PDB file of N, CA and C in Angstrom:
ATOM      1  N   MET A   1     144.537  33.198 163.568  1.00  0.00           N
ATOM      2  CA  MET A   1     143.278  33.462 162.890  1.00  0.00           C
ATOM      3  C   MET A   1     143.514  34.476 161.769  1.00  0.00           C
ATOM      4  N   LYS A   2     142.942  34.201 160.614  1.00  0.00           N
ATOM      5  CA  LYS A   2     143.090  35.098 159.468  1.00  0.00           C
ATOM      6  C   LYS A   2     142.286  36.373 159.681  1.00  0.00           C
ATOM      7  N   GLU A   3     142.892  37.464 159.281  1.00  0.00           N
ATOM      8  CA  GLU A   3     142.185  38.736 159.331  1.00  0.00           C
ATOM      9  C   GLU A   3     141.319  38.861 158.078  1.00  0.00           C
ATOM     10  N   ARG A   4     140.088  39.235 158.248  1.00  0.00           N
ATOM     11  CA  ARG A   4     139.150  39.373 157.128  1.00  0.00           C
ATOM     12  C   ARG A   4     139.388  40.708 156.428  1.00  0.00           C
ATOM     13  N   ASN A   5     139.508  40.665 155.108  1.00  0.00           N
ATOM     14  CA  ASN A   5     139.692  41.877 154.319  1.00  0.00           C
ATOM     15  C   ASN A   5     138.344  42.230 153.703  1.00  0.00           C
ATOM     16  N   GLU A   6     137.691  43.225 154.283  1.00  0.00           N
ATOM     17  CA  GLU A   6     136.336  43.596 153.861  1.00  0.00           C
ATOM     18  C   GLU A   6     136.284  44.033 152.396  1.00  0.00           C
ATOM     19  N   ASP A   7     137.316  44.723 151.917  1.00  0.00           N
ATOM     20  CA  ASP A   7     137.328  45.145 150.514  1.00  0.00           C
ATOM     21  C   ASP A   7     137.284  43.946 149.581  1.00  0.00           C
ATOM     22  N   LEU A   8     138.064  42.929 149.888  1.00  0.00           N
ATOM     23  CA  LEU A   8     138.066  41.720 149.058  1.00  0.00           C
ATOM     24  C   LEU A   8     136.767  40.944 149.190  1.00  0.00           C
ATOM     25  N   GLU A   9     136.178  40.947 150.368  1.00  0.00           N
ATOM     26  CA  GLU A   9     134.950  40.186 150.593  1.00  0.00           C
ATOM     27  C   GLU A   9     133.745  40.791 149.874  1.00  0.00           C
ATOM     28  N   ARG A  10     133.828  42.054 149.473  1.00  0.00           N
ATOM     29  CA  ARG A  10     132.737  42.681 148.712  1.00  0.00           C
ATOM     30  C   ARG A  10     132.827  42.356 147.214  1.00  0.00           C
ATOM     31  N   ILE A  11     133.936  41.832 146.764  1.00  0.00           N
ATOM     32  CA  ILE A  11     134.143  41.566 145.339  1.00  0.00           C
ATOM     33  C   ILE A  11     133.133  40.560 144.771  1.00  0.00           C
ATOM     34  N   PRO A  12     132.846  39.426 145.413  1.00  0.00           N
ATOM     35  CA  PRO A  12     131.868  38.494 144.826  1.00  0.00           C
ATOM     36  C   PRO A  12     130.508  39.129 144.567  1.00  0.00           C
ATOM     37  N   GLY A  13     130.021  39.955 145.476  1.00  0.00           N
ATOM     38  CA  GLY A  13     128.745  40.641 145.257  1.00  0.00           C
ATOM     39  C   GLY A  13     128.808  41.595 144.083  1.00  0.00           C
ATOM     40  N   TRP A  14     129.935  42.311 143.977  1.00  0.00           N
ATOM     41  CA  TRP A  14     130.139  43.209 142.839  1.00  0.00           C
ATOM     42  C   TRP A  14     130.130  42.409 141.539  1.00  0.00           C
ATOM     43  N   LEU A  15     130.801  41.252 141.541  1.00  0.00           N
ATOM     44  CA  LEU A  15     130.855  40.422 140.335  1.00  0.00           C
ATOM     45  C   LEU A  15     129.461  39.993 139.907  1.00  0.00           C
ATOM     46  N   GLU A  16     128.639  39.553 140.843  1.00  0.00           N
ATOM     47  CA  GLU A  16     127.290  39.108 140.495  1.00  0.00           C
ATOM     48  C   GLU A  16     126.496  40.255 139.874  1.00  0.00           C
ATOM     49  N   HIS A  17     126.673  41.453 140.380  1.00  0.00           N
ATOM     50  CA  HIS A  17     126.019  42.631 139.794  1.00  0.00           C
ATOM     51  C   HIS A  17     126.524  42.860 138.362  1.00  0.00           C
ATOM     52  N   GLU A  18     127.825  42.755 138.156  1.00  0.00           N
ATOM     53  CA  GLU A  18     128.419  42.956 136.830  1.00  0.00           C
ATOM     54  C   GLU A  18     127.962  41.892 135.833  1.00  0.00           C
ATOM     55  N   LEU A  19     127.760  40.679 136.317  1.00  0.00           N
ATOM     56  CA  LEU A  19     127.412  39.557 135.429  1.00  0.00           C
ATOM     57  C   LEU A  19     125.918  39.469 135.134  1.00  0.00           C
ATOM     58  N   ALA A  20     125.115  40.256 135.808  1.00  0.00           N
ATOM     59  CA  ALA A  20     123.652  40.148 135.700  1.00  0.00           C
ATOM     60  C   ALA A  20     123.147  40.233 134.265  1.00  0.00           C
ATOM     61  N   ASP A  21     123.764  41.058 133.437  1.00  0.00           N
ATOM     62  CA  ASP A  21     123.272  41.215 132.061  1.00  0.00           C
ATOM     63  C   ASP A  21     124.227  40.636 131.020  1.00  0.00           C
ATOM     64  N   LYS A  22     125.144  39.813 131.454  1.00  0.00           N
ATOM     65  CA  LYS A  22     126.127  39.226 130.529  1.00  0.00           C
ATOM     66  C   LYS A  22     125.632  37.871 130.005  1.00  0.00           C
ATOM     67  N   PRO A  23     126.095  37.490 128.822  1.00  0.00           N
ATOM     68  CA  PRO A  23     125.726  36.168 128.287  1.00  0.00           C
ATOM     69  C   PRO A  23     126.218  35.041 129.202  1.00  0.00           C
ATOM     70  N   ALA A  24     125.489  33.945 129.207  1.00  0.00           N
ATOM     71  CA  ALA A  24     125.821  32.804 130.069  1.00  0.00           C
ATOM     72  C   ALA A  24     127.245  32.305 129.831  1.00  0.00           C
ATOM     73  N   ALA A  25     127.709  32.340 128.595  1.00  0.00           N
ATOM     74  CA  ALA A  25     129.075  31.884 128.295  1.00  0.00           C
ATOM     75  C   ALA A  25     130.109  32.773 128.978  1.00  0.00           C
ATOM     76  N   HIS A  26     129.845  34.061 129.064  1.00  0.00           N
ATOM     77  CA  HIS A  26     130.772  34.971 129.736  1.00  0.00           C
ATOM     78  C   HIS A  26     130.762  34.716 131.240  1.00  0.00           C
ATOM     79  N   VAL A  27     129.575  34.507 131.781  1.00  0.00           N
ATOM     80  CA  VAL A  27     129.431  34.243 133.213  1.00  0.00           C
ATOM     81  C   VAL A  27     130.194  32.973 133.587  1.00  0.00           C
ATOM     82  N   SER A  28     130.069  31.941 132.759  1.00  0.00           N
ATOM     83  CA  SER A  28     130.722  30.663 133.079  1.00  0.00           C
ATOM     84  C   SER A  28     132.241  30.750 133.019  1.00  0.00           C
ATOM     85  N   LEU A  29     132.772  31.753 132.336  1.00  0.00           N
ATOM     86  CA  LEU A  29     134.218  31.966 132.318  1.00  0.00           C
ATOM     87  C   LEU A  29     134.662  32.957 133.398  1.00  0.00           C
ATOM     88  N   ALA A  30     133.915  34.020 133.578  1.00  0.00           N
ATOM     89  CA  ALA A  30     134.328  35.091 134.493  1.00  0.00           C
ATOM     90  C   ALA A  30     134.236  34.678 135.959  1.00  0.00           C
ATOM     91  N   ARG A  31     133.194  33.965 136.318  1.00  0.00           N
ATOM     92  CA  ARG A  31     133.005  33.604 137.730  1.00  0.00           C
ATOM     93  C   ARG A  31     134.162  32.740 138.249  1.00  0.00           C
ATOM     94  N   PRO A  32     134.519  31.654 137.572  1.00  0.00           N
ATOM     95  CA  PRO A  32     135.665  30.872 138.079  1.00  0.00           C
ATOM     96  C   PRO A  32     136.980  31.651 138.001  1.00  0.00           C
ATOM     97  N   PHE A  33     137.149  32.481 136.978  1.00  0.00           N
ATOM     98  CA  PHE A  33     138.363  33.296 136.857  1.00  0.00           C
ATOM     99  C   PHE A  33     138.525  34.169 138.099  1.00  0.00           C
ATOM    100  N   LEU A  34     137.448  34.788 138.532  1.00  0.00           N
ATOM    101  CA  LEU A  34     137.536  35.636 139.715  1.00  0.00           C
ATOM    102  C   LEU A  34     137.734  34.800 140.977  1.00  0.00           C
ATOM    103  N   HIS A  35     136.880  33.816 141.191  1.00  0.00           N
ATOM    104  CA  HIS A  35     136.904  33.078 142.451  1.00  0.00           C
ATOM    105  C   HIS A  35     138.137  32.196 142.614  1.00  0.00           C
ATOM    106  N   TRP A  36     138.490  31.439 141.592  1.00  0.00           N
ATOM    107  CA  TRP A  36     139.548  30.445 141.738  1.00  0.00           C
ATOM    108  C   TRP A  36     140.926  30.958 141.363  1.00  0.00           C
ATOM    109  N   PHE A  37     140.996  32.069 140.666  1.00  0.00           N
ATOM    110  CA  PHE A  37     142.302  32.594 140.293  1.00  0.00           C
ATOM    111  C   PHE A  37     142.565  33.931 140.992  1.00  0.00           C
ATOM    112  N   LEU A  38     141.821  34.952 140.641  1.00  0.00           N
ATOM    113  CA  LEU A  38     142.113  36.287 141.156  1.00  0.00           C
ATOM    114  C   LEU A  38     141.868  36.430 142.660  1.00  0.00           C
ATOM    115  N   LEU A  39     140.701  36.048 143.119  1.00  0.00           N
ATOM    116  CA  LEU A  39     140.355  36.247 144.522  1.00  0.00           C
ATOM    117  C   LEU A  39     141.190  35.357 145.438  1.00  0.00           C
ATOM    118  N   ARG A  40     141.419  34.137 145.027  1.00  0.00           N
ATOM    119  CA  ARG A  40     142.243  33.228 145.845  1.00  0.00           C
ATOM    120  C   ARG A  40     143.646  33.793 146.023  1.00  0.00           C
ATOM    121  N   ARG A  41     144.229  34.281 144.925  1.00  0.00           N
ATOM    122  CA  ARG A  41     145.574  34.861 145.004  1.00  0.00           C
ATOM    123  C   ARG A  41     145.580  36.134 145.838  1.00  0.00           C
ATOM    124  N   ALA A  42     144.566  36.969 145.687  1.00  0.00           N
ATOM    125  CA  ALA A  42     144.500  38.208 146.460  1.00  0.00           C
ATOM    126  C   ALA A  42     144.374  37.906 147.951  1.00  0.00           C
ATOM    127  N   ARG A  43     143.610  36.892 148.306  1.00  0.00           N
ATOM    128  CA  ARG A  43     143.476  36.529 149.725  1.00  0.00           C
ATOM    129  C   ARG A  43     144.788  35.982 150.274  1.00  0.00           C
ATOM    130  N   GLN A  44     145.492  35.214 149.468  1.00  0.00           N
ATOM    131  CA  GLN A  44     146.796  34.703 149.898  1.00  0.00           C
ATOM    132  C   GLN A  44     147.771  35.852 150.132  1.00  0.00           C
ATOM    133  N   ARG A  45     147.784  36.820 149.210  1.00  0.00           N
ATOM    134  CA  ARG A  45     148.668  37.979 149.377  1.00  0.00           C
ATOM    135  C   ARG A  45     148.251  38.805 150.591  1.00  0.00           C
ATOM    136  N   ALA A  46     146.957  38.958 150.807  1.00  0.00           N
ATOM    137  CA  ALA A  46     146.467  39.733 151.950  1.00  0.00           C
ATOM    138  C   ALA A  46     146.872  39.073 153.266  1.00  0.00           C
ATOM    139  N   ALA A  47     146.916  37.751 153.296  1.00  0.00           N
ATOM    140  CA  ALA A  47     147.311  37.041 154.507  1.00  0.00           C
ATOM    141  C   ALA A  47     148.789  37.281 154.827  1.00  0.00           C
ATOM    142  N   MET A  48     149.570  37.555 153.818  1.00  0.00           N
ATOM    143  CA  MET A  48     151.005  37.792 154.010  1.00  0.00           C
ATOM    144  C   MET A  48     151.274  39.236 154.442  1.00  0.00           C
ATOM    145  N   ARG A  49     150.415  40.144 154.015  1.00  0.00           N
ATOM    146  CA  ARG A  49     150.574  41.571 154.322  1.00  0.00           C
ATOM    147  C   ARG A  49     149.378  42.054 155.120  1.00  0.00           C
ATOM    148  N   ARG A  50     149.589  43.047 155.905  1.00  0.00           N
ATOM    149  CA  ARG A  50     148.499  43.600 156.706  1.00  0.00           C
ATOM    150  C   ARG A  50     147.475  44.343 155.841  1.00  0.00           C
ATOM    151  N   HIS A  51     147.936  45.198 154.946  1.00  0.00           N
ATOM    152  CA  HIS A  51     147.031  46.031 154.157  1.00  0.00           C
ATOM    153  C   HIS A  51     147.426  45.986 152.685  1.00  0.00           C
ATOM    154  N   PRO A  52     146.839  45.065 151.908  1.00  0.00           N
ATOM    155  CA  PRO A  52     147.183  45.015 150.483  1.00  0.00           C
ATOM    156  C   PRO A  52     146.750  46.305 149.784  1.00  0.00           C
ATOM    157  N   ALA A  53     147.640  46.842 149.009  1.00  0.00           N
ATOM    158  CA  ALA A  53     147.371  48.118 148.334  1.00  0.00           C
ATOM    159  C   ALA A  53     146.373  47.922 147.207  1.00  0.00           C
ATOM    160  N   SER A  54     145.214  48.499 147.339  1.00  0.00           N
ATOM    161  CA  SER A  54     144.164  48.546 146.313  1.00  0.00           C
ATOM    162  C   SER A  54     143.896  47.209 145.632  1.00  0.00           C
ATOM    163  N   ALA A  55     143.936  46.127 146.383  1.00  0.00           N
ATOM    164  CA  ALA A  55     143.706  44.805 145.798  1.00  0.00           C
ATOM    165  C   ALA A  55     142.320  44.699 145.185  1.00  0.00           C
ATOM    166  N   ASP A  56     141.322  45.277 145.848  1.00  0.00           N
ATOM    167  CA  ASP A  56     139.957  45.189 145.324  1.00  0.00           C
ATOM    168  C   ASP A  56     139.820  45.949 144.015  1.00  0.00           C
ATOM    169  N   ARG A  57     140.441  47.101 143.913  1.00  0.00           N
ATOM    170  CA  ARG A  57     140.379  47.893 142.678  1.00  0.00           C
ATOM    171  C   ARG A  57     141.063  47.152 141.528  1.00  0.00           C
ATOM    172  N   ASP A  58     142.180  46.506 141.823  1.00  0.00           N
ATOM    173  CA  ASP A  58     142.896  45.734 140.806  1.00  0.00           C
ATOM    174  C   ASP A  58     142.053  44.556 140.327  1.00  0.00           C
ATOM    175  N   LEU A  59     141.394  43.864 141.240  1.00  0.00           N
ATOM    176  CA  LEU A  59     140.534  42.732 140.858  1.00  0.00           C
ATOM    177  C   LEU A  59     139.384  43.190 139.972  1.00  0.00           C
ATOM    178  N   ARG A  60     138.767  44.289 140.339  1.00  0.00           N
ATOM    179  CA  ARG A  60     137.655  44.813 139.538  1.00  0.00           C
ATOM    180  C   ARG A  60     138.125  45.177 138.130  1.00  0.00           C
ATOM    181  N   ARG A  61     139.300  45.770 138.049  1.00  0.00           N
ATOM    182  CA  ARG A  61     139.846  46.151 136.745  1.00  0.00           C
ATOM    183  C   ARG A  61     140.118  44.906 135.906  1.00  0.00           C
ATOM    184  N   ARG A  62     140.708  43.902 136.496  1.00  0.00           N
ATOM    185  CA  ARG A  62     141.018  42.675 135.755  1.00  0.00           C
ATOM    186  C   ARG A  62     139.756  41.985 135.238  1.00  0.00           C
ATOM    187  N   VAL A  63     138.740  41.927 136.079  1.00  0.00           N
ATOM    188  CA  VAL A  63     137.473  41.309 135.659  1.00  0.00           C
ATOM    189  C   VAL A  63     136.831  42.138 134.555  1.00  0.00           C
ATOM    190  N   SER A  64     136.838  43.440 134.691  1.00  0.00           N
ATOM    191  CA  SER A  64     136.257  44.312 133.661  1.00  0.00           C
ATOM    192  C   SER A  64     136.972  44.147 132.326  1.00  0.00           C
ATOM    193  N   VAL A  65     138.281  44.063 132.354  1.00  0.00           N
ATOM    194  CA  VAL A  65     139.052  43.857 131.118  1.00  0.00           C
ATOM    195  C   VAL A  65     138.710  42.500 130.508  1.00  0.00           C
ATOM    196  N   ALA A  66     138.592  41.475 131.332  1.00  0.00           N
ATOM    197  CA  ALA A  66     138.239  40.148 130.817  1.00  0.00           C
ATOM    198  C   ALA A  66     136.848  40.161 130.186  1.00  0.00           C
ATOM    199  N   LEU A  67     135.895  40.821 130.834  1.00  0.00           N
ATOM    200  CA  LEU A  67     134.539  40.892 130.273  1.00  0.00           C
ATOM    201  C   LEU A  67     134.518  41.704 128.985  1.00  0.00           C
ATOM    202  N   ASP A  68     135.279  42.779 128.930  1.00  0.00           N
ATOM    203  CA  ASP A  68     135.385  43.562 127.694  1.00  0.00           C
ATOM    204  C   ASP A  68     135.976  42.719 126.567  1.00  0.00           C
ATOM    205  N   PHE A  69     136.971  41.911 126.902  1.00  0.00           N
ATOM    206  CA  PHE A  69     137.603  41.056 125.893  1.00  0.00           C
ATOM    207  C   PHE A  69     136.622  40.005 125.378  1.00  0.00           C
ATOM    208  N   LEU A  70     135.836  39.426 126.272  1.00  0.00           N
ATOM    209  CA  LEU A  70     134.839  38.443 125.837  1.00  0.00           C
ATOM    210  C   LEU A  70     133.797  39.095 124.929  1.00  0.00           C
ATOM    211  N   ALA A  71     133.392  40.312 125.249  1.00  0.00           N
ATOM    212  CA  ALA A  71     132.433  41.033 124.393  1.00  0.00           C
ATOM    213  C   ALA A  71     133.069  41.325 123.033  1.00  0.00           C
ATOM    214  N   TRP A  72     134.333  41.699 123.024  1.00  0.00           N
ATOM    215  CA  TRP A  72     135.065  41.957 121.785  1.00  0.00           C
ATOM    216  C   TRP A  72     135.091  40.698 120.923  1.00  0.00           C
ATOM    217  N   MET A  73     135.353  39.554 121.557  1.00  0.00           N
ATOM    218  CA  MET A  73     135.363  38.276 120.832  1.00  0.00           C
ATOM    219  C   MET A  73     133.991  37.993 120.223  1.00  0.00           C
ATOM    220  N   ASP A  74     132.931  38.212 120.984  1.00  0.00           N
ATOM    221  CA  ASP A  74     131.577  37.986 120.483  1.00  0.00           C
ATOM    222  C   ASP A  74     131.279  38.850 119.266  1.00  0.00           C
ATOM    223  N   GLN A  75     131.692  40.103 119.324  1.00  0.00           N
ATOM    224  CA  GLN A  75     131.453  41.021 118.203  1.00  0.00           C
ATOM    225  C   GLN A  75     132.113  40.528 116.923  1.00  0.00           C
ATOM    226  N   ARG A  76     133.182  39.793 117.061  1.00  0.00           N
ATOM    227  CA  ARG A  76     133.921  39.282 115.903  1.00  0.00           C
ATOM    228  C   ARG A  76     133.620  37.818 115.599  1.00  0.00           C
ATOM    229  N   GLY A  77     132.721  37.230 116.359  1.00  0.00           N
ATOM    230  CA  GLY A  77     132.346  35.836 116.139  1.00  0.00           C
ATOM    231  C   GLY A  77     133.464  34.861 116.457  1.00  0.00           C
ATOM    232  N   LEU A  78     134.297  35.194 117.428  1.00  0.00           N
ATOM    233  CA  LEU A  78     135.431  34.340 117.791  1.00  0.00           C
ATOM    234  C   LEU A  78     135.136  33.529 119.050  1.00  0.00           C
ATOM    235  N   ALA A  79     135.617  32.311 119.060  1.00  0.00           N
ATOM    236  CA  ALA A  79     135.582  31.480 120.262  1.00  0.00           C
ATOM    237  C   ALA A  79     136.992  31.445 120.835  1.00  0.00           C
ATOM    238  N   LEU A  80     137.110  31.087 122.097  1.00  0.00           N
ATOM    239  CA  LEU A  80     138.447  31.015 122.703  1.00  0.00           C
ATOM    240  C   LEU A  80     139.385  30.122 121.894  1.00  0.00           C
ATOM    241  N   ALA A  81     138.867  29.023 121.398  1.00  0.00           N
ATOM    242  CA  ALA A  81     139.695  28.088 120.626  1.00  0.00           C
ATOM    243  C   ALA A  81     140.180  28.690 119.311  1.00  0.00           C
ATOM    244  N   ASP A  82     139.497  29.738 118.833  1.00  0.00           N
ATOM    245  CA  ASP A  82     139.859  30.380 117.561  1.00  0.00           C
ATOM    246  C   ASP A  82     140.926  31.452 117.713  1.00  0.00           C
ATOM    247  N   LEU A  83     141.218  31.854 118.930  1.00  0.00           N
ATOM    248  CA  LEU A  83     142.113  32.994 119.128  1.00  0.00           C
ATOM    249  C   LEU A  83     143.535  32.692 118.666  1.00  0.00           C
ATOM    250  N   ALA A  84     144.085  33.679 118.016  1.00  0.00           N
ATOM    251  CA  ALA A  84     145.490  33.630 117.589  1.00  0.00           C
ATOM    252  C   ALA A  84     146.172  34.888 118.138  1.00  0.00           C
ATOM    253  N   GLN A  85     147.473  34.933 118.044  1.00  0.00           N
ATOM    254  CA  GLN A  85     148.212  36.081 118.557  1.00  0.00           C
ATOM    255  C   GLN A  85     147.735  37.397 117.924  1.00  0.00           C
ATOM    256  N   GLU A  86     147.382  37.350 116.660  1.00  0.00           N
ATOM    257  CA  GLU A  86     146.919  38.575 115.996  1.00  0.00           C
ATOM    258  C   GLU A  86     145.657  39.145 116.652  1.00  0.00           C
ATOM    259  N   HIS A  87     144.795  38.256 117.177  1.00  0.00           N
ATOM    260  CA  HIS A  87     143.602  38.713 117.887  1.00  0.00           C
ATOM    261  C   HIS A  87     143.973  39.394 119.198  1.00  0.00           C
ATOM    262  N   ILE A  88     144.900  38.804 119.898  1.00  0.00           N
ATOM    263  CA  ILE A  88     145.356  39.378 121.169  1.00  0.00           C
ATOM    264  C   ILE A  88     145.992  40.742 120.904  1.00  0.00           C
ATOM    265  N   ASP A  89     146.768  40.848 119.848  1.00  0.00           N
ATOM    266  CA  ASP A  89     147.419  42.108 119.516  1.00  0.00           C
ATOM    267  C   ASP A  89     146.414  43.203 119.199  1.00  0.00           C
ATOM    268  N   ASP A  90     145.293  42.816 118.568  1.00  0.00           N
ATOM    269  CA  ASP A  90     144.241  43.807 118.259  1.00  0.00           C
ATOM    270  C   ASP A  90     143.687  44.365 119.534  1.00  0.00           C
TER     271      ASP A  90
END
């Protein structure tokens, strides 16, 4: 039986709070990024180890950086398809 990691299980609720005032386009990108990429991987790692070191804090940081980047793109009128390396470097 898998051991439940309470810190990781609180992340979806935190995400919904963070997304409450975000544009729909950001929500549609951030939610799957967290659930299908970050959280899935964190749960897999947690299953391999007894106590993952600050996994919840790392997930929150990654989501926050992604949301900041999406806001940065909006400020510049950029779509994901428009991004070039120079944008990433900025």
